[in-house]
Amino acid sequence: MDNHIEGGGIPRKCECGAPTIILESKTAQNPGRRFYRCGEIYGPNHVFKWLDEAHHEELGILRSQQAMIAKDLAEIKTEIGELKKDIGEIIEVLESFRSKF
């Protein structure tokens, strides 16, 4: 059972377009171990991936995405702080014009 389409995380669809299904191994080597498989066709060039490995990869992907979101959020907070400062300066200029006229 090494017919394995590479890709990170949980395989939601096979390359053939079929959704994946989760099954349980009944082999002596991997009794009870769950896996993703093409929901239509079993064989070469169709998805086969151990569920535990897929979930481990998925967590890595999610951690990476979370780190990118945290970085983007920090940059947005910095930009908002700079915009607030700019707005404050604009208000000061407008008030100085208002007091002159």
PDB file of N, CA and C in Angstrom:
ATOM      1  N   MET A   1       0.823  -1.197   0.000  1.00  0.00           N
ATOM      2  CA  MET A   1       0.000   0.000   0.000  1.00  0.00           C
ATOM      3  C   MET A   1       0.862   1.253   0.000  1.00  0.00           C
ATOM      4  N   ASP A   2       1.715   1.414  -0.955  1.00  0.00           N
ATOM      5  CA  ASP A   2       2.547   2.602  -1.016  1.00  0.00           C
ATOM      6  C   ASP A   2       2.159   3.504  -2.169  1.00  0.00           C
ATOM      7  N   ASN A   3       0.981   3.344  -2.724  1.00  0.00           N
ATOM      8  CA  ASN A   3       0.494   4.209  -3.792  1.00  0.00           C
ATOM      9  C   ASN A   3       0.092   5.523  -3.154  1.00  0.00           C
ATOM     10  N   HIS A   4       0.960   6.487  -3.210  1.00  0.00           N
ATOM     11  CA  HIS A   4       0.872   7.669  -2.371  1.00  0.00           C
ATOM     12  C   HIS A   4       1.047   8.904  -3.231  1.00  0.00           C
ATOM     13  N   ILE A   5       0.025   9.706  -3.382  1.00  0.00           N
ATOM     14  CA  ILE A   5       0.140  10.972  -4.088  1.00  0.00           C
ATOM     15  C   ILE A   5       0.719  11.975  -3.098  1.00  0.00           C
ATOM     16  N   GLU A   6       1.818  12.603  -3.443  1.00  0.00           N
ATOM     17  CA  GLU A   6       2.468  13.539  -2.527  1.00  0.00           C
ATOM     18  C   GLU A   6       1.711  14.846  -2.445  1.00  0.00           C
ATOM     19  N   GLY A   7       1.776  15.449  -1.299  1.00  0.00           N
ATOM     20  CA  GLY A   7       1.161  16.739  -1.071  1.00  0.00           C
ATOM     21  C   GLY A   7       1.002  16.926   0.418  1.00  0.00           C
ATOM     22  N   GLY A   8       0.991  18.158   0.847  1.00  0.00           N
ATOM     23  CA  GLY A   8       0.945  18.413   2.270  1.00  0.00           C
ATOM     24  C   GLY A   8      -0.444  18.341   2.845  1.00  0.00           C
ATOM     25  N   GLY A   9      -0.514  17.844   4.041  1.00  0.00           N
ATOM     26  CA  GLY A   9      -1.755  17.878   4.783  1.00  0.00           C
ATOM     27  C   GLY A   9      -2.764  16.828   4.392  1.00  0.00           C
ATOM     28  N   ILE A  10      -4.001  17.148   4.688  1.00  0.00           N
ATOM     29  CA  ILE A  10      -5.109  16.220   4.464  1.00  0.00           C
ATOM     30  C   ILE A  10      -5.499  16.227   2.985  1.00  0.00           C
ATOM     31  N   PRO A  11      -5.457  15.069   2.340  1.00  0.00           N
ATOM     32  CA  PRO A  11      -5.893  15.022   0.943  1.00  0.00           C
ATOM     33  C   PRO A  11      -7.416  15.015   0.867  1.00  0.00           C
ATOM     34  N   ARG A  12      -7.982  16.082   0.370  1.00  0.00           N
ATOM     35  CA  ARG A  12      -9.435  16.179   0.316  1.00  0.00           C
ATOM     36  C   ARG A  12      -9.997  15.633  -0.988  1.00  0.00           C
ATOM     37  N   LYS A  13      -9.181  15.675  -2.011  1.00  0.00           N
ATOM     38  CA  LYS A  13      -9.586  15.132  -3.320  1.00  0.00           C
ATOM     39  C   LYS A  13      -8.408  14.400  -3.932  1.00  0.00           C
ATOM     40  N   CYS A  14      -8.730  13.391  -4.694  1.00  0.00           N
ATOM     41  CA  CYS A  14      -7.725  12.656  -5.467  1.00  0.00           C
ATOM     42  C   CYS A  14      -7.411  13.468  -6.722  1.00  0.00           C
ATOM     43  N   GLU A  15      -6.294  13.186  -7.343  1.00  0.00           N
ATOM     44  CA  GLU A  15      -5.958  13.866  -8.596  1.00  0.00           C
ATOM     45  C   GLU A  15      -6.983  13.585  -9.687  1.00  0.00           C
ATOM     46  N   CYS A  16      -7.722  12.493  -9.559  1.00  0.00           N
ATOM     47  CA  CYS A  16      -8.762  12.173 -10.546  1.00  0.00           C
ATOM     48  C   CYS A  16     -10.016  13.025 -10.335  1.00  0.00           C
ATOM     49  N   GLY A  17     -10.049  13.767  -9.210  1.00  0.00           N
ATOM     50  CA  GLY A  17     -11.187  14.629  -8.925  1.00  0.00           C
ATOM     51  C   GLY A  17     -12.161  14.060  -7.916  1.00  0.00           C
ATOM     52  N   ALA A  18     -12.021  12.789  -7.599  1.00  0.00           N
ATOM     53  CA  ALA A  18     -12.928  12.154  -6.635  1.00  0.00           C
ATOM     54  C   ALA A  18     -12.577  12.596  -5.221  1.00  0.00           C
ATOM     55  N   PRO A  19     -13.572  12.731  -4.362  1.00  0.00           N
ATOM     56  CA  PRO A  19     -13.281  13.041  -2.957  1.00  0.00           C
ATOM     57  C   PRO A  19     -12.605  11.837  -2.296  1.00  0.00           C
ATOM     58  N   THR A  20     -11.838  12.116  -1.261  1.00  0.00           N
ATOM     59  CA  THR A  20     -11.196  11.015  -0.537  1.00  0.00           C
ATOM     60  C   THR A  20     -12.153  10.463   0.512  1.00  0.00           C
ATOM     61  N   ILE A  21     -11.873   9.250   0.924  1.00  0.00           N
ATOM     62  CA  ILE A  21     -12.613   8.610   2.008  1.00  0.00           C
ATOM     63  C   ILE A  21     -11.596   8.129   3.036  1.00  0.00           C
ATOM     64  N   ILE A  22     -12.072   7.874   4.249  1.00  0.00           N
ATOM     65  CA  ILE A  22     -11.205   7.344   5.304  1.00  0.00           C
ATOM     66  C   ILE A  22     -11.590   5.895   5.542  1.00  0.00           C
ATOM     67  N   LEU A  23     -10.578   5.050   5.493  1.00  0.00           N
ATOM     68  CA  LEU A  23     -10.776   3.623   5.740  1.00  0.00           C
ATOM     69  C   LEU A  23      -9.820   3.168   6.831  1.00  0.00           C
ATOM     70  N   GLU A  24      -9.998   1.945   7.286  1.00  0.00           N
ATOM     71  CA  GLU A  24      -9.158   1.376   8.327  1.00  0.00           C
ATOM     72  C   GLU A  24      -8.427   0.156   7.787  1.00  0.00           C
ATOM     73  N   SER A  25      -7.121   0.131   8.007  1.00  0.00           N
ATOM     74  CA  SER A  25      -6.310  -0.983   7.532  1.00  0.00           C
ATOM     75  C   SER A  25      -6.663  -2.263   8.271  1.00  0.00           C
ATOM     76  N   LYS A  26      -6.683  -3.334   7.521  1.00  0.00           N
ATOM     77  CA  LYS A  26      -6.943  -4.644   8.114  1.00  0.00           C
ATOM     78  C   LYS A  26      -5.745  -5.576   7.910  1.00  0.00           C
ATOM     79  N   THR A  27      -4.597  -4.979   7.551  1.00  0.00           N
ATOM     80  CA  THR A  27      -3.398  -5.781   7.329  1.00  0.00           C
ATOM     81  C   THR A  27      -2.729  -6.127   8.644  1.00  0.00           C
ATOM     82  N   ALA A  28      -1.893  -7.166   8.625  1.00  0.00           N
ATOM     83  CA  ALA A  28      -1.147  -7.567   9.815  1.00  0.00           C
ATOM     84  C   ALA A  28      -0.110  -6.498  10.186  1.00  0.00           C
ATOM     85  N   GLN A  29       0.431  -5.802   9.182  1.00  0.00           N
ATOM     86  CA  GLN A  29       1.440  -4.766   9.423  1.00  0.00           C
ATOM     87  C   GLN A  29       0.863  -3.519  10.086  1.00  0.00           C
ATOM     88  N   ASN A  30      -0.338  -3.142   9.726  1.00  0.00           N
ATOM     89  CA  ASN A  30      -0.946  -1.901  10.211  1.00  0.00           C
ATOM     90  C   ASN A  30      -2.396  -2.110  10.645  1.00  0.00           C
ATOM     91  N   PRO A  31      -2.655  -3.036  11.551  1.00  0.00           N
ATOM     92  CA  PRO A  31      -4.046  -3.309  11.922  1.00  0.00           C
ATOM     93  C   PRO A  31      -4.698  -2.095  12.590  1.00  0.00           C
ATOM     94  N   GLY A  32      -5.851  -1.714  12.071  1.00  0.00           N
ATOM     95  CA  GLY A  32      -6.609  -0.612  12.659  1.00  0.00           C
ATOM     96  C   GLY A  32      -6.117   0.780  12.310  1.00  0.00           C
ATOM     97  N   ARG A  33      -5.006   0.868  11.593  1.00  0.00           N
ATOM     98  CA  ARG A  33      -4.478   2.188  11.231  1.00  0.00           C
ATOM     99  C   ARG A  33      -5.356   2.784  10.128  1.00  0.00           C
ATOM    100  N   ARG A  34      -5.761   4.017  10.338  1.00  0.00           N
ATOM    101  CA  ARG A  34      -6.675   4.652   9.395  1.00  0.00           C
ATOM    102  C   ARG A  34      -5.900   5.379   8.291  1.00  0.00           C
ATOM    103  N   PHE A  35      -6.544   5.478   7.119  1.00  0.00           N
ATOM    104  CA  PHE A  35      -5.888   6.116   5.979  1.00  0.00           C
ATOM    105  C   PHE A  35      -6.913   6.782   5.068  1.00  0.00           C
ATOM    106  N   TYR A  36      -6.407   7.754   4.308  1.00  0.00           N
ATOM    107  CA  TYR A  36      -7.214   8.395   3.264  1.00  0.00           C
ATOM    108  C   TYR A  36      -6.972   7.637   1.967  1.00  0.00           C
ATOM    109  N   ARG A  37      -8.044   7.485   1.186  1.00  0.00           N
ATOM    110  CA  ARG A  37      -7.936   6.825  -0.096  1.00  0.00           C
ATOM    111  C   ARG A  37      -8.903   7.487  -1.062  1.00  0.00           C
ATOM    112  N   CYS A  38      -8.597   7.399  -2.334  1.00  0.00           N
ATOM    113  CA  CYS A  38      -9.510   7.879  -3.365  1.00  0.00           C
ATOM    114  C   CYS A  38     -10.852   7.202  -3.151  1.00  0.00           C
ATOM    115  N   GLY A  39     -11.931   7.985  -3.209  1.00  0.00           N
ATOM    116  CA  GLY A  39     -13.257   7.435  -2.989  1.00  0.00           C
ATOM    117  C   GLY A  39     -13.817   6.678  -4.171  1.00  0.00           C
ATOM    118  N   GLU A  40     -13.123   6.691  -5.293  1.00  0.00           N
ATOM    119  CA  GLU A  40     -13.622   6.042  -6.504  1.00  0.00           C
ATOM    120  C   GLU A  40     -12.782   4.851  -6.933  1.00  0.00           C
ATOM    121  N   ILE A  41     -11.448   5.048  -6.957  1.00  0.00           N
ATOM    122  CA  ILE A  41     -10.570   4.039  -7.557  1.00  0.00           C
ATOM    123  C   ILE A  41      -9.417   3.723  -6.607  1.00  0.00           C
ATOM    124  N   TYR A  42      -9.138   2.458  -6.422  1.00  0.00           N
ATOM    125  CA  TYR A  42      -7.984   2.036  -5.641  1.00  0.00           C
ATOM    126  C   TYR A  42      -6.893   1.622  -6.616  1.00  0.00           C
ATOM    127  N   GLY A  43      -5.707   2.158  -6.429  1.00  0.00           N
ATOM    128  CA  GLY A  43      -4.602   1.733  -7.271  1.00  0.00           C
ATOM    129  C   GLY A  43      -3.589   2.829  -7.489  1.00  0.00           C
ATOM    130  N   PRO A  44      -2.602   2.539  -8.326  1.00  0.00           N
ATOM    131  CA  PRO A  44      -1.554   3.523  -8.608  1.00  0.00           C
ATOM    132  C   PRO A  44      -2.156   4.823  -9.128  1.00  0.00           C
ATOM    133  N   ASN A  45      -1.488   5.929  -8.813  1.00  0.00           N
ATOM    134  CA  ASN A  45      -1.879   7.266  -9.254  1.00  0.00           C
ATOM    135  C   ASN A  45      -3.173   7.763  -8.628  1.00  0.00           C
ATOM    136  N   HIS A  46      -3.605   7.129  -7.550  1.00  0.00           N
ATOM    137  CA  HIS A  46      -4.762   7.605  -6.810  1.00  0.00           C
ATOM    138  C   HIS A  46      -4.356   7.750  -5.343  1.00  0.00           C
ATOM    139  N   VAL A  47      -5.033   8.641  -4.644  1.00  0.00           N
ATOM    140  CA  VAL A  47      -4.630   8.989  -3.283  1.00  0.00           C
ATOM    141  C   VAL A  47      -4.612   7.785  -2.348  1.00  0.00           C
ATOM    142  N   PHE A  48      -3.519   7.691  -1.620  1.00  0.00           N
ATOM    143  CA  PHE A  48      -3.409   6.850  -0.436  1.00  0.00           C
ATOM    144  C   PHE A  48      -2.489   7.588   0.516  1.00  0.00           C
ATOM    145  N   LYS A  49      -2.969   7.852   1.715  1.00  0.00           N
ATOM    146  CA  LYS A  49      -2.142   8.543   2.700  1.00  0.00           C
ATOM    147  C   LYS A  49      -2.616   8.168   4.093  1.00  0.00           C
ATOM    148  N   TRP A  50      -1.651   7.822   4.951  1.00  0.00           N
ATOM    149  CA  TRP A  50      -1.987   7.490   6.321  1.00  0.00           C
ATOM    150  C   TRP A  50      -2.584   8.714   7.011  1.00  0.00           C
ATOM    151  N   LEU A  51      -3.654   8.510   7.733  1.00  0.00           N
ATOM    152  CA  LEU A  51      -4.364   9.594   8.407  1.00  0.00           C
ATOM    153  C   LEU A  51      -3.475  10.322   9.415  1.00  0.00           C
ATOM    154  N   ASP A  52      -2.717   9.589  10.223  1.00  0.00           N
ATOM    155  CA  ASP A  52      -1.868  10.238  11.228  1.00  0.00           C
ATOM    156  C   ASP A  52      -0.801  11.118  10.582  1.00  0.00           C
ATOM    157  N   GLU A  53      -0.223  10.666   9.481  1.00  0.00           N
ATOM    158  CA  GLU A  53       0.778  11.472   8.778  1.00  0.00           C
ATOM    159  C   GLU A  53       0.135  12.708   8.153  1.00  0.00           C
ATOM    160  N   ALA A  54      -1.050  12.535   7.581  1.00  0.00           N
ATOM    161  CA  ALA A  54      -1.757  13.658   6.969  1.00  0.00           C
ATOM    162  C   ALA A  54      -2.097  14.710   8.016  1.00  0.00           C
ATOM    163  N   HIS A  55      -2.549  14.273   9.185  1.00  0.00           N
ATOM    164  CA  HIS A  55      -2.910  15.219  10.238  1.00  0.00           C
ATOM    165  C   HIS A  55      -1.681  15.933  10.782  1.00  0.00           C
ATOM    166  N   HIS A  56      -0.578  15.221  10.904  1.00  0.00           N
ATOM    167  CA  HIS A  56       0.671  15.850  11.357  1.00  0.00           C
ATOM    168  C   HIS A  56       1.101  16.936  10.365  1.00  0.00           C
ATOM    169  N   GLU A  57       1.044  16.638   9.081  1.00  0.00           N
ATOM    170  CA  GLU A  57       1.387  17.634   8.052  1.00  0.00           C
ATOM    171  C   GLU A  57       0.417  18.812   8.088  1.00  0.00           C
ATOM    172  N   GLU A  58      -0.862  18.526   8.267  1.00  0.00           N
ATOM    173  CA  GLU A  58      -1.886  19.583   8.308  1.00  0.00           C
ATOM    174  C   GLU A  58      -1.617  20.545   9.462  1.00  0.00           C
ATOM    175  N   LEU A  59      -1.240  20.012  10.622  1.00  0.00           N
ATOM    176  CA  LEU A  59      -0.914  20.867  11.768  1.00  0.00           C
ATOM    177  C   LEU A  59       0.284  21.762  11.462  1.00  0.00           C
ATOM    178  N   GLY A  60       1.278  21.224  10.765  1.00  0.00           N
ATOM    179  CA  GLY A  60       2.429  22.029  10.372  1.00  0.00           C
ATOM    180  C   GLY A  60       2.029  23.171   9.444  1.00  0.00           C
ATOM    181  N   ILE A  61       1.154  22.858   8.502  1.00  0.00           N
ATOM    182  CA  ILE A  61       0.658  23.875   7.571  1.00  0.00           C
ATOM    183  C   ILE A  61      -0.102  24.953   8.334  1.00  0.00           C
ATOM    184  N   LEU A  62      -0.968  24.541   9.247  1.00  0.00           N
ATOM    185  CA  LEU A  62      -1.758  25.498  10.027  1.00  0.00           C
ATOM    186  C   LEU A  62      -0.870  26.359  10.923  1.00  0.00           C
ATOM    187  N   ARG A  63       0.159  25.761  11.514  1.00  0.00           N
ATOM    188  CA  ARG A  63       1.100  26.543  12.333  1.00  0.00           C
ATOM    189  C   ARG A  63       1.779  27.614  11.484  1.00  0.00           C
ATOM    190  N   SER A  64       2.194  27.235  10.305  1.00  0.00           N
ATOM    191  CA  SER A  64       2.849  28.175   9.405  1.00  0.00           C
ATOM    192  C   SER A  64       1.904  29.307   9.012  1.00  0.00           C
ATOM    193  N   GLN A  65       0.663  28.963   8.691  1.00  0.00           N
ATOM    194  CA  GLN A  65      -0.332  29.975   8.334  1.00  0.00           C
ATOM    195  C   GLN A  65      -0.611  30.896   9.517  1.00  0.00           C
ATOM    196  N   GLN A  66      -0.687  30.324  10.717  1.00  0.00           N
ATOM    197  CA  GLN A  66      -0.942  31.125  11.904  1.00  0.00           C
ATOM    198  C   GLN A  66       0.215  32.107  12.136  1.00  0.00           C
ATOM    199  N   ALA A  67       1.441  31.666  11.932  1.00  0.00           N
ATOM    200  CA  ALA A  67       2.603  32.550  12.105  1.00  0.00           C
ATOM    201  C   ALA A  67       2.552  33.694  11.095  1.00  0.00           C
ATOM    202  N   MET A  68       2.169  33.392   9.857  1.00  0.00           N
ATOM    203  CA  MET A  68       2.064  34.443   8.839  1.00  0.00           C
ATOM    204  C   MET A  68       0.966  35.436   9.200  1.00  0.00           C
ATOM    205  N   ILE A  69      -0.162  34.952   9.701  1.00  0.00           N
ATOM    206  CA  ILE A  69      -1.261  35.828  10.100  1.00  0.00           C
ATOM    207  C   ILE A  69      -0.831  36.712  11.268  1.00  0.00           C
ATOM    208  N   ALA A  70      -0.118  36.141  12.228  1.00  0.00           N
ATOM    209  CA  ALA A  70       0.356  36.922  13.376  1.00  0.00           C
ATOM    210  C   ALA A  70       1.312  38.019  12.913  1.00  0.00           C
ATOM    211  N   LYS A  71       2.182  37.697  11.982  1.00  0.00           N
ATOM    212  CA  LYS A  71       3.116  38.689  11.438  1.00  0.00           C
ATOM    213  C   LYS A  71       2.357  39.793  10.708  1.00  0.00           C
ATOM    214  N   ASP A  72       1.382  39.398   9.875  1.00  0.00           N
ATOM    215  CA  ASP A  72       0.571  40.389   9.160  1.00  0.00           C
ATOM    216  C   ASP A  72      -0.187  41.280  10.140  1.00  0.00           C
ATOM    217  N   LEU A  73      -0.720  40.701  11.205  1.00  0.00           N
ATOM    218  CA  LEU A  73      -1.461  41.469  12.203  1.00  0.00           C
ATOM    219  C   LEU A  73      -0.550  42.486  12.890  1.00  0.00           C
ATOM    220  N   ALA A  74       0.658  42.077  13.220  1.00  0.00           N
ATOM    221  CA  ALA A  74       1.611  43.002  13.848  1.00  0.00           C
ATOM    222  C   ALA A  74       1.921  44.169  12.907  1.00  0.00           C
ATOM    223  N   GLU A  75       2.086  43.866  11.620  1.00  0.00           N
ATOM    224  CA  GLU A  75       2.354  44.935  10.645  1.00  0.00           C
ATOM    225  C   GLU A  75       1.157  45.875  10.517  1.00  0.00           C
ATOM    226  N   ILE A  76      -0.054  45.307  10.523  1.00  0.00           N
ATOM    227  CA  ILE A  76      -1.265  46.125  10.441  1.00  0.00           C
ATOM    228  C   ILE A  76      -1.380  47.032  11.669  1.00  0.00           C
ATOM    229  N   LYS A  77      -1.085  46.493  12.856  1.00  0.00           N
ATOM    230  CA  LYS A  77      -1.133  47.310  14.072  1.00  0.00           C
ATOM    231  C   LYS A  77      -0.144  48.462  13.989  1.00  0.00           C
ATOM    232  N   THR A  78       1.045  48.201  13.467  1.00  0.00           N
ATOM    233  CA  THR A  78       2.044  49.255  13.296  1.00  0.00           C
ATOM    234  C   THR A  78       1.543  50.316  12.323  1.00  0.00           C
ATOM    235  N   GLU A  79       0.975  49.876  11.208  1.00  0.00           N
ATOM    236  CA  GLU A  79       0.448  50.812  10.213  1.00  0.00           C
ATOM    237  C   GLU A  79      -0.692  51.649  10.783  1.00  0.00           C
ATOM    238  N   ILE A  80      -1.562  51.036  11.582  1.00  0.00           N
ATOM    239  CA  ILE A  80      -2.658  51.782  12.212  1.00  0.00           C
ATOM    240  C   ILE A  80      -2.098  52.848  13.154  1.00  0.00           C
ATOM    241  N   GLY A  81      -1.080  52.490  13.920  1.00  0.00           N
ATOM    242  CA  GLY A  81      -0.434  53.463  14.805  1.00  0.00           C
ATOM    243  C   GLY A  81       0.129  54.639  14.021  1.00  0.00           C
ATOM    244  N   GLU A  82       0.768  54.348  12.887  1.00  0.00           N
ATOM    245  CA  GLU A  82       1.316  55.411  12.040  1.00  0.00           C
ATOM    246  C   GLU A  82       0.204  56.272  11.444  1.00  0.00           C
ATOM    247  N   LEU A  83      -0.901  55.649  11.037  1.00  0.00           N
ATOM    248  CA  LEU A  83      -2.039  56.403  10.493  1.00  0.00           C
ATOM    249  C   LEU A  83      -2.655  57.311  11.557  1.00  0.00           C
ATOM    250  N   LYS A  84      -2.779  56.817  12.779  1.00  0.00           N
ATOM    251  CA  LYS A  84      -3.311  57.639  13.866  1.00  0.00           C
ATOM    252  C   LYS A  84      -2.420  58.857  14.099  1.00  0.00           C
ATOM    253  N   LYS A  85      -1.125  58.642  14.045  1.00  0.00           N
ATOM    254  CA  LYS A  85      -0.177  59.750  14.219  1.00  0.00           C
ATOM    255  C   LYS A  85      -0.345  60.757  13.083  1.00  0.00           C
ATOM    256  N   ASP A  86      -0.446  60.258  11.849  1.00  0.00           N
ATOM    257  CA  ASP A  86      -0.642  61.149  10.694  1.00  0.00           C
ATOM    258  C   ASP A  86      -1.943  61.933  10.820  1.00  0.00           C
ATOM    259  N   ILE A  87      -3.007  61.271  11.240  1.00  0.00           N
ATOM    260  CA  ILE A  87      -4.301  61.944  11.406  1.00  0.00           C
ATOM    261  C   ILE A  87      -4.189  63.028  12.476  1.00  0.00           C
ATOM    262  N   GLY A  88      -3.511  62.721  13.555  1.00  0.00           N
ATOM    263  CA  GLY A  88      -3.299  63.721  14.615  1.00  0.00           C
ATOM    264  C   GLY A  88      -2.573  64.945  14.084  1.00  0.00           C
ATOM    265  N   GLU A  89      -1.546  64.719  13.269  1.00  0.00           N
ATOM    266  CA  GLU A  89      -0.801  65.842  12.688  1.00  0.00           C
ATOM    267  C   GLU A  89      -1.677  66.648  11.732  1.00  0.00           C
ATOM    268  N   ILE A  90      -2.511  65.974  10.943  1.00  0.00           N
ATOM    269  CA  ILE A  90      -3.420  66.660  10.016  1.00  0.00           C
ATOM    270  C   ILE A  90      -4.418  67.511  10.804  1.00  0.00           C
ATOM    271  N   ILE A  91      -4.943  66.974  11.888  1.00  0.00           N
ATOM    272  CA  ILE A  91      -5.889  67.726  12.723  1.00  0.00           C
ATOM    273  C   ILE A  91      -5.217  68.969  13.293  1.00  0.00           C
ATOM    274  N   GLU A  92      -3.967  68.833  13.747  1.00  0.00           N
ATOM    275  CA  GLU A  92      -3.232  69.993  14.268  1.00  0.00           C
ATOM    276  C   GLU A  92      -3.076  71.073  13.198  1.00  0.00           C
ATOM    277  N   VAL A  93      -2.747  70.693  11.982  1.00  0.00           N
ATOM    278  CA  VAL A  93      -2.584  71.651  10.889  1.00  0.00           C
ATOM    279  C   VAL A  93      -3.912  72.331  10.585  1.00  0.00           C
ATOM    280  N   LEU A  94      -4.990  71.544  10.519  1.00  0.00           N
ATOM    281  CA  LEU A  94      -6.311  72.111  10.247  1.00  0.00           C
ATOM    282  C   LEU A  94      -6.729  73.096  11.350  1.00  0.00           C
ATOM    283  N   GLU A  95      -6.457  72.740  12.593  1.00  0.00           N
ATOM    284  CA  GLU A  95      -6.811  73.639  13.707  1.00  0.00           C
ATOM    285  C   GLU A  95      -5.992  74.910  13.671  1.00  0.00           C
ATOM    286  N   SER A  96      -4.729  74.807  13.250  1.00  0.00           N
ATOM    287  CA  SER A  96      -3.913  76.023  13.151  1.00  0.00           C
ATOM    288  C   SER A  96      -4.425  76.925  12.021  1.00  0.00           C
ATOM    289  N   PHE A  97      -4.904  76.359  10.922  1.00  0.00           N
ATOM    290  CA  PHE A  97      -5.511  77.157   9.833  1.00  0.00           C
ATOM    291  C   PHE A  97      -6.806  77.791  10.315  1.00  0.00           C
ATOM    292  N   ARG A  98      -7.599  77.016  11.044  1.00  0.00           N
ATOM    293  CA  ARG A  98      -8.883  77.494  11.541  1.00  0.00           C
ATOM    294  C   ARG A  98      -8.691  78.696  12.468  1.00  0.00           C
ATOM    295  N   SER A  99      -7.685  78.654  13.320  1.00  0.00           N
ATOM    296  CA  SER A  99      -7.450  79.742  14.270  1.00  0.00           C
ATOM    297  C   SER A  99      -6.925  81.000  13.564  1.00  0.00           C
ATOM    298  N   LYS A 100      -6.326  80.859  12.392  1.00  0.00           N
ATOM    299  CA  LYS A 100      -5.797  82.008  11.655  1.00  0.00           C
ATOM    300  C   LYS A 100      -6.902  82.742  10.888  1.00  0.00           C
ATOM    301  N   PHE A 101      -7.959  82.036  10.560  1.00  0.00           N
ATOM    302  CA  PHE A 101      -9.010  82.675   9.731  1.00  0.00           C
ATOM    303  C   PHE A 101     -10.243  82.868  10.495  1.00  0.00           C
TER     304      PHE A 101
END
